[in-house]
Amino acid sequence: MQCWSERLIMKTKILTIVCVCLMGLGGMNTSRADPQDPLMVVGDVALARPGCFLATVFGAVIFVVALPIAATSGSVKQTADTLVLTPARATFTRPLGDFSSITP
């Protein structure tokens, strides 16, 4: 018979696995790039998506730090869009292999 702490640990592990699986399924993007250039898709998955995700995370941290200044200047929406929403869109809603929305 297991004690309550072992059950709690087991429930925590199962919950963590379920959350990770759901996050993986929720982040899937079923759109595809031009099938003639699979190298673009590989580059996107291996380099661009992780880079955009890191930009989203760091942008969120910088946004929290800059929030008092943005609030006093009245530019909270513009600051949030620049630091968080634009990299998040490039990470999660852009079709695989499509770099047109992130290149200047």
N, C-alpha and C. Protein backbone atom coordinates (compact mmCIF):
# COMPACT_ATOMS: atom_id res chain seq x y z
N MET A 1 0.83 -1.19 0.00
CA MET A 1 0.00 0.00 0.00
C MET A 1 0.88 1.25 0.00
N GLN A 2 0.58 2.18 -0.88
CA GLN A 2 1.37 3.40 -0.99
C GLN A 2 0.92 4.42 0.04
N CYS A 3 1.88 5.19 0.52
CA CYS A 3 1.50 6.27 1.43
C CYS A 3 1.04 7.47 0.61
N TRP A 4 0.47 8.46 1.28
CA TRP A 4 -0.13 9.59 0.58
C TRP A 4 0.90 10.41 -0.18
N SER A 5 2.15 10.49 0.30
CA SER A 5 3.16 11.29 -0.41
C SER A 5 3.56 10.63 -1.73
N GLU A 6 3.60 9.31 -1.76
CA GLU A 6 3.91 8.62 -3.01
C GLU A 6 2.78 8.80 -4.02
N ARG A 7 1.55 8.79 -3.54
CA ARG A 7 0.41 9.03 -4.43
C ARG A 7 0.44 10.45 -4.99
N LEU A 8 0.78 11.40 -4.13
CA LEU A 8 0.85 12.79 -4.57
C LEU A 8 1.94 12.96 -5.62
N ILE A 9 3.08 12.34 -5.41
CA ILE A 9 4.17 12.41 -6.38
C ILE A 9 3.75 11.80 -7.71
N MET A 10 3.07 10.66 -7.65
CA MET A 10 2.62 9.98 -8.87
C MET A 10 1.58 10.83 -9.61
N LYS A 11 0.64 11.44 -8.86
CA LYS A 11 -0.35 12.30 -9.49
C LYS A 11 0.30 13.51 -10.13
N THR A 12 1.31 14.07 -9.47
CA THR A 12 2.03 15.22 -10.02
C THR A 12 2.74 14.85 -11.31
N LYS A 13 3.37 13.69 -11.34
CA LYS A 13 4.06 13.25 -12.56
C LYS A 13 3.07 13.05 -13.70
N ILE A 14 1.94 12.42 -13.41
CA ILE A 14 0.95 12.18 -14.45
C ILE A 14 0.38 13.50 -14.97
N LEU A 15 0.08 14.41 -14.06
CA LEU A 15 -0.44 15.72 -14.46
C LEU A 15 0.58 16.48 -15.31
N THR A 16 1.85 16.40 -14.96
CA THR A 16 2.89 17.06 -15.73
C THR A 16 2.98 16.48 -17.14
N ILE A 17 2.92 15.17 -17.25
CA ILE A 17 2.98 14.52 -18.57
C ILE A 17 1.78 14.92 -19.42
N VAL A 18 0.60 14.93 -18.82
CA VAL A 18 -0.61 15.32 -19.56
C VAL A 18 -0.51 16.77 -20.03
N CYS A 19 -0.03 17.66 -19.16
CA CYS A 19 0.11 19.07 -19.55
C CYS A 19 1.11 19.25 -20.69
N VAL A 20 2.22 18.56 -20.62
CA VAL A 20 3.23 18.67 -21.68
C VAL A 20 2.66 18.16 -23.00
N CYS A 21 1.94 17.05 -22.94
CA CYS A 21 1.33 16.52 -24.17
C CYS A 21 0.30 17.48 -24.75
N LEU A 22 -0.53 18.07 -23.89
CA LEU A 22 -1.54 19.01 -24.38
C LEU A 22 -0.90 20.27 -24.94
N MET A 23 0.18 20.73 -24.32
CA MET A 23 0.87 21.90 -24.86
C MET A 23 1.45 21.59 -26.23
N GLY A 24 1.98 20.40 -26.40
CA GLY A 24 2.52 20.01 -27.69
C GLY A 24 1.45 19.95 -28.76
N LEU A 25 0.28 19.43 -28.40
CA LEU A 25 -0.81 19.35 -29.37
C LEU A 25 -1.38 20.73 -29.68
N GLY A 26 -1.48 21.57 -28.67
CA GLY A 26 -2.05 22.90 -28.87
C GLY A 26 -1.16 23.80 -29.70
N GLY A 27 0.15 23.56 -29.67
CA GLY A 27 1.08 24.40 -30.41
C GLY A 27 1.32 23.95 -31.83
N MET A 28 0.66 22.87 -32.25
CA MET A 28 0.87 22.38 -33.60
C MET A 28 0.31 23.36 -34.62
N ASN A 29 1.05 23.52 -35.67
CA ASN A 29 0.60 24.35 -36.76
C ASN A 29 0.48 23.44 -37.97
N THR A 30 -0.74 23.26 -38.47
CA THR A 30 -0.96 22.30 -39.54
C THR A 30 -0.73 22.89 -40.92
N SER A 31 -0.48 24.19 -41.01
CA SER A 31 -0.22 24.78 -42.31
C SER A 31 1.18 24.41 -42.77
N ARG A 32 1.37 24.44 -44.08
CA ARG A 32 2.65 24.01 -44.63
C ARG A 32 3.18 25.06 -45.59
N ALA A 33 4.47 25.06 -45.74
CA ALA A 33 5.11 25.94 -46.70
C ALA A 33 5.06 25.30 -48.08
N ASP A 34 5.69 25.94 -49.02
CA ASP A 34 5.78 25.41 -50.36
C ASP A 34 6.47 24.05 -50.31
N PRO A 35 5.83 23.00 -50.81
CA PRO A 35 6.42 21.67 -50.71
C PRO A 35 7.72 21.52 -51.51
N GLN A 36 8.05 22.49 -52.34
CA GLN A 36 9.27 22.41 -53.13
C GLN A 36 10.50 22.82 -52.32
N ASP A 37 10.33 23.38 -51.13
CA ASP A 37 11.46 23.81 -50.35
C ASP A 37 11.37 23.32 -48.90
N PRO A 38 11.64 22.05 -48.67
CA PRO A 38 11.57 21.50 -47.31
C PRO A 38 12.66 22.06 -46.39
N LEU A 39 13.73 22.59 -46.97
CA LEU A 39 14.79 23.17 -46.15
C LEU A 39 14.28 24.39 -45.37
N MET A 40 13.36 25.13 -45.95
CA MET A 40 12.77 26.28 -45.25
C MET A 40 11.97 25.82 -44.03
N VAL A 41 11.24 24.71 -44.18
CA VAL A 41 10.46 24.18 -43.06
C VAL A 41 11.38 23.70 -41.95
N VAL A 42 12.44 23.00 -42.32
CA VAL A 42 13.40 22.49 -41.32
C VAL A 42 14.08 23.66 -40.60
N GLY A 43 14.48 24.66 -41.34
CA GLY A 43 15.09 25.83 -40.73
C GLY A 43 14.15 26.56 -39.81
N ASP A 44 12.89 26.61 -40.21
CA ASP A 44 11.88 27.26 -39.38
C ASP A 44 11.70 26.51 -38.07
N VAL A 45 11.53 25.20 -38.16
CA VAL A 45 11.30 24.40 -36.95
C VAL A 45 12.54 24.36 -36.06
N ALA A 46 13.71 24.25 -36.65
CA ALA A 46 14.93 24.09 -35.86
C ALA A 46 15.49 25.41 -35.32
N LEU A 47 15.34 26.50 -36.07
CA LEU A 47 15.97 27.76 -35.66
C LEU A 47 15.00 28.90 -35.40
N ALA A 48 14.12 29.17 -36.35
CA ALA A 48 13.28 30.36 -36.26
C ALA A 48 12.24 30.27 -35.15
N ARG A 49 11.55 29.15 -35.04
CA ARG A 49 10.52 29.03 -34.00
C ARG A 49 11.11 29.13 -32.59
N PRO A 50 12.18 28.40 -32.29
CA PRO A 50 12.77 28.56 -30.94
C PRO A 50 13.27 29.99 -30.70
N GLY A 51 13.83 30.62 -31.72
CA GLY A 51 14.29 32.00 -31.58
C GLY A 51 13.14 32.95 -31.33
N CYS A 52 12.05 32.78 -32.05
CA CYS A 52 10.87 33.63 -31.86
C CYS A 52 10.25 33.38 -30.48
N PHE A 53 10.27 32.13 -30.03
CA PHE A 53 9.74 31.84 -28.70
C PHE A 53 10.58 32.53 -27.62
N LEU A 54 11.90 32.46 -27.76
CA LEU A 54 12.76 33.16 -26.80
C LEU A 54 12.54 34.67 -26.85
N ALA A 55 12.34 35.20 -28.04
CA ALA A 55 12.04 36.63 -28.16
C ALA A 55 10.73 36.98 -27.46
N THR A 56 9.75 36.09 -27.53
CA THR A 56 8.48 36.32 -26.85
C THR A 56 8.67 36.33 -25.33
N VAL A 57 9.43 35.35 -24.83
CA VAL A 57 9.66 35.26 -23.38
C VAL A 57 10.44 36.47 -22.89
N PHE A 58 11.55 36.79 -23.54
CA PHE A 58 12.35 37.94 -23.12
C PHE A 58 11.59 39.26 -23.31
N GLY A 59 10.78 39.35 -24.36
CA GLY A 59 9.96 40.54 -24.57
C GLY A 59 8.94 40.71 -23.45
N ALA A 60 8.38 39.60 -22.97
CA ALA A 60 7.43 39.68 -21.87
C ALA A 60 8.11 40.17 -20.59
N VAL A 61 9.33 39.69 -20.35
CA VAL A 61 10.07 40.14 -19.17
C VAL A 61 10.38 41.63 -19.27
N ILE A 62 10.85 42.05 -20.43
CA ILE A 62 11.16 43.48 -20.62
C ILE A 62 9.90 44.32 -20.52
N PHE A 63 8.78 43.78 -21.04
CA PHE A 63 7.51 44.52 -20.97
C PHE A 63 7.10 44.74 -19.51
N VAL A 64 7.24 43.72 -18.68
CA VAL A 64 6.88 43.87 -17.26
C VAL A 64 7.76 44.93 -16.60
N VAL A 65 9.05 44.93 -16.94
CA VAL A 65 9.96 45.93 -16.37
C VAL A 65 9.60 47.33 -16.87
N ALA A 66 9.24 47.44 -18.14
CA ALA A 66 8.96 48.75 -18.74
C ALA A 66 7.52 49.21 -18.54
N LEU A 67 6.68 48.37 -17.93
CA LEU A 67 5.26 48.70 -17.80
C LEU A 67 5.00 50.00 -17.06
N PRO A 68 5.68 50.30 -15.96
CA PRO A 68 5.40 51.60 -15.31
C PRO A 68 5.70 52.80 -16.21
N ILE A 69 6.78 52.70 -16.96
CA ILE A 69 7.13 53.80 -17.87
C ILE A 69 6.12 53.90 -19.01
N ALA A 70 5.73 52.75 -19.55
CA ALA A 70 4.75 52.75 -20.64
C ALA A 70 3.40 53.26 -20.16
N ALA A 71 3.05 52.95 -18.92
CA ALA A 71 1.76 53.40 -18.38
C ALA A 71 1.75 54.92 -18.20
N THR A 72 2.85 55.47 -17.73
CA THR A 72 2.88 56.93 -17.55
C THR A 72 2.91 57.67 -18.88
N SER A 73 3.47 57.06 -19.90
CA SER A 73 3.52 57.73 -21.20
C SER A 73 2.30 57.41 -22.07
N GLY A 74 1.45 56.47 -21.61
CA GLY A 74 0.25 56.13 -22.36
C GLY A 74 0.50 55.24 -23.56
N SER A 75 1.58 54.49 -23.54
CA SER A 75 1.91 53.64 -24.68
C SER A 75 1.96 52.16 -24.33
N VAL A 76 1.08 51.72 -23.43
CA VAL A 76 1.08 50.32 -22.99
C VAL A 76 0.75 49.39 -24.16
N LYS A 77 -0.28 49.73 -24.93
CA LYS A 77 -0.69 48.86 -26.05
C LYS A 77 0.41 48.74 -27.10
N GLN A 78 1.02 49.83 -27.46
CA GLN A 78 2.09 49.80 -28.46
C GLN A 78 3.30 49.02 -27.94
N THR A 79 3.64 49.21 -26.67
CA THR A 79 4.77 48.50 -26.07
C THR A 79 4.49 47.00 -26.02
N ALA A 80 3.28 46.61 -25.61
CA ALA A 80 2.91 45.19 -25.56
C ALA A 80 2.94 44.57 -26.94
N ASP A 81 2.45 45.31 -27.93
CA ASP A 81 2.43 44.79 -29.29
C ASP A 81 3.85 44.56 -29.81
N THR A 82 4.73 45.52 -29.54
CA THR A 82 6.10 45.42 -30.04
C THR A 82 6.89 44.33 -29.33
N LEU A 83 6.78 44.27 -28.01
CA LEU A 83 7.64 43.37 -27.24
C LEU A 83 7.10 41.96 -27.10
N VAL A 84 5.77 41.79 -27.10
CA VAL A 84 5.20 40.48 -26.81
C VAL A 84 4.38 39.92 -27.97
N LEU A 85 3.43 40.69 -28.47
CA LEU A 85 2.48 40.14 -29.45
C LEU A 85 3.11 39.85 -30.80
N THR A 86 3.98 40.71 -31.29
CA THR A 86 4.60 40.46 -32.59
C THR A 86 5.46 39.20 -32.58
N PRO A 87 6.36 39.00 -31.58
CA PRO A 87 7.09 37.74 -31.56
C PRO A 87 6.20 36.53 -31.31
N ALA A 88 5.12 36.69 -30.53
CA ALA A 88 4.21 35.57 -30.29
C ALA A 88 3.49 35.16 -31.56
N ARG A 89 3.08 36.14 -32.36
CA ARG A 89 2.45 35.81 -33.64
C ARG A 89 3.42 35.09 -34.57
N ALA A 90 4.67 35.55 -34.57
CA ALA A 90 5.68 34.90 -35.41
C ALA A 90 5.97 33.48 -34.95
N THR A 91 5.77 33.22 -33.66
CA THR A 91 6.03 31.89 -33.12
C THR A 91 4.87 30.95 -33.36
N PHE A 92 3.64 31.39 -33.09
CA PHE A 92 2.52 30.46 -33.00
C PHE A 92 1.52 30.51 -34.15
N THR A 93 1.43 31.58 -34.90
CA THR A 93 0.39 31.65 -35.92
C THR A 93 0.93 31.69 -37.35
N ARG A 94 2.20 31.83 -37.51
CA ARG A 94 2.81 31.92 -38.84
C ARG A 94 2.89 30.52 -39.46
N PRO A 95 2.56 30.36 -40.74
CA PRO A 95 2.70 29.05 -41.39
C PRO A 95 4.16 28.59 -41.41
N LEU A 96 4.37 27.29 -41.31
CA LEU A 96 5.72 26.74 -41.32
C LEU A 96 6.44 27.09 -42.61
N GLY A 97 7.65 27.59 -42.49
CA GLY A 97 8.47 27.91 -43.65
C GLY A 97 8.17 29.26 -44.27
N ASP A 98 7.19 29.99 -43.75
CA ASP A 98 6.82 31.29 -44.29
C ASP A 98 7.50 32.38 -43.45
N PHE A 99 8.51 33.01 -44.00
CA PHE A 99 9.27 34.03 -43.29
C PHE A 99 8.87 35.44 -43.72
N SER A 100 7.85 35.57 -44.53
CA SER A 100 7.49 36.90 -45.05
C SER A 100 6.99 37.84 -43.96
N SER A 101 6.41 37.31 -42.89
CA SER A 101 5.89 38.18 -41.85
C SER A 101 6.96 38.60 -40.84
N ILE A 102 8.12 37.96 -40.84
CA ILE A 102 9.16 38.34 -39.87
C ILE A 102 10.37 39.00 -40.52
N THR A 103 10.40 39.06 -41.82
CA THR A 103 11.50 39.75 -42.49
C THR A 103 11.08 41.17 -42.82
N PRO A 104 12.00 42.13 -42.70
CA PRO A 104 11.65 43.52 -42.98
C PRO A 104 11.42 43.80 -44.44
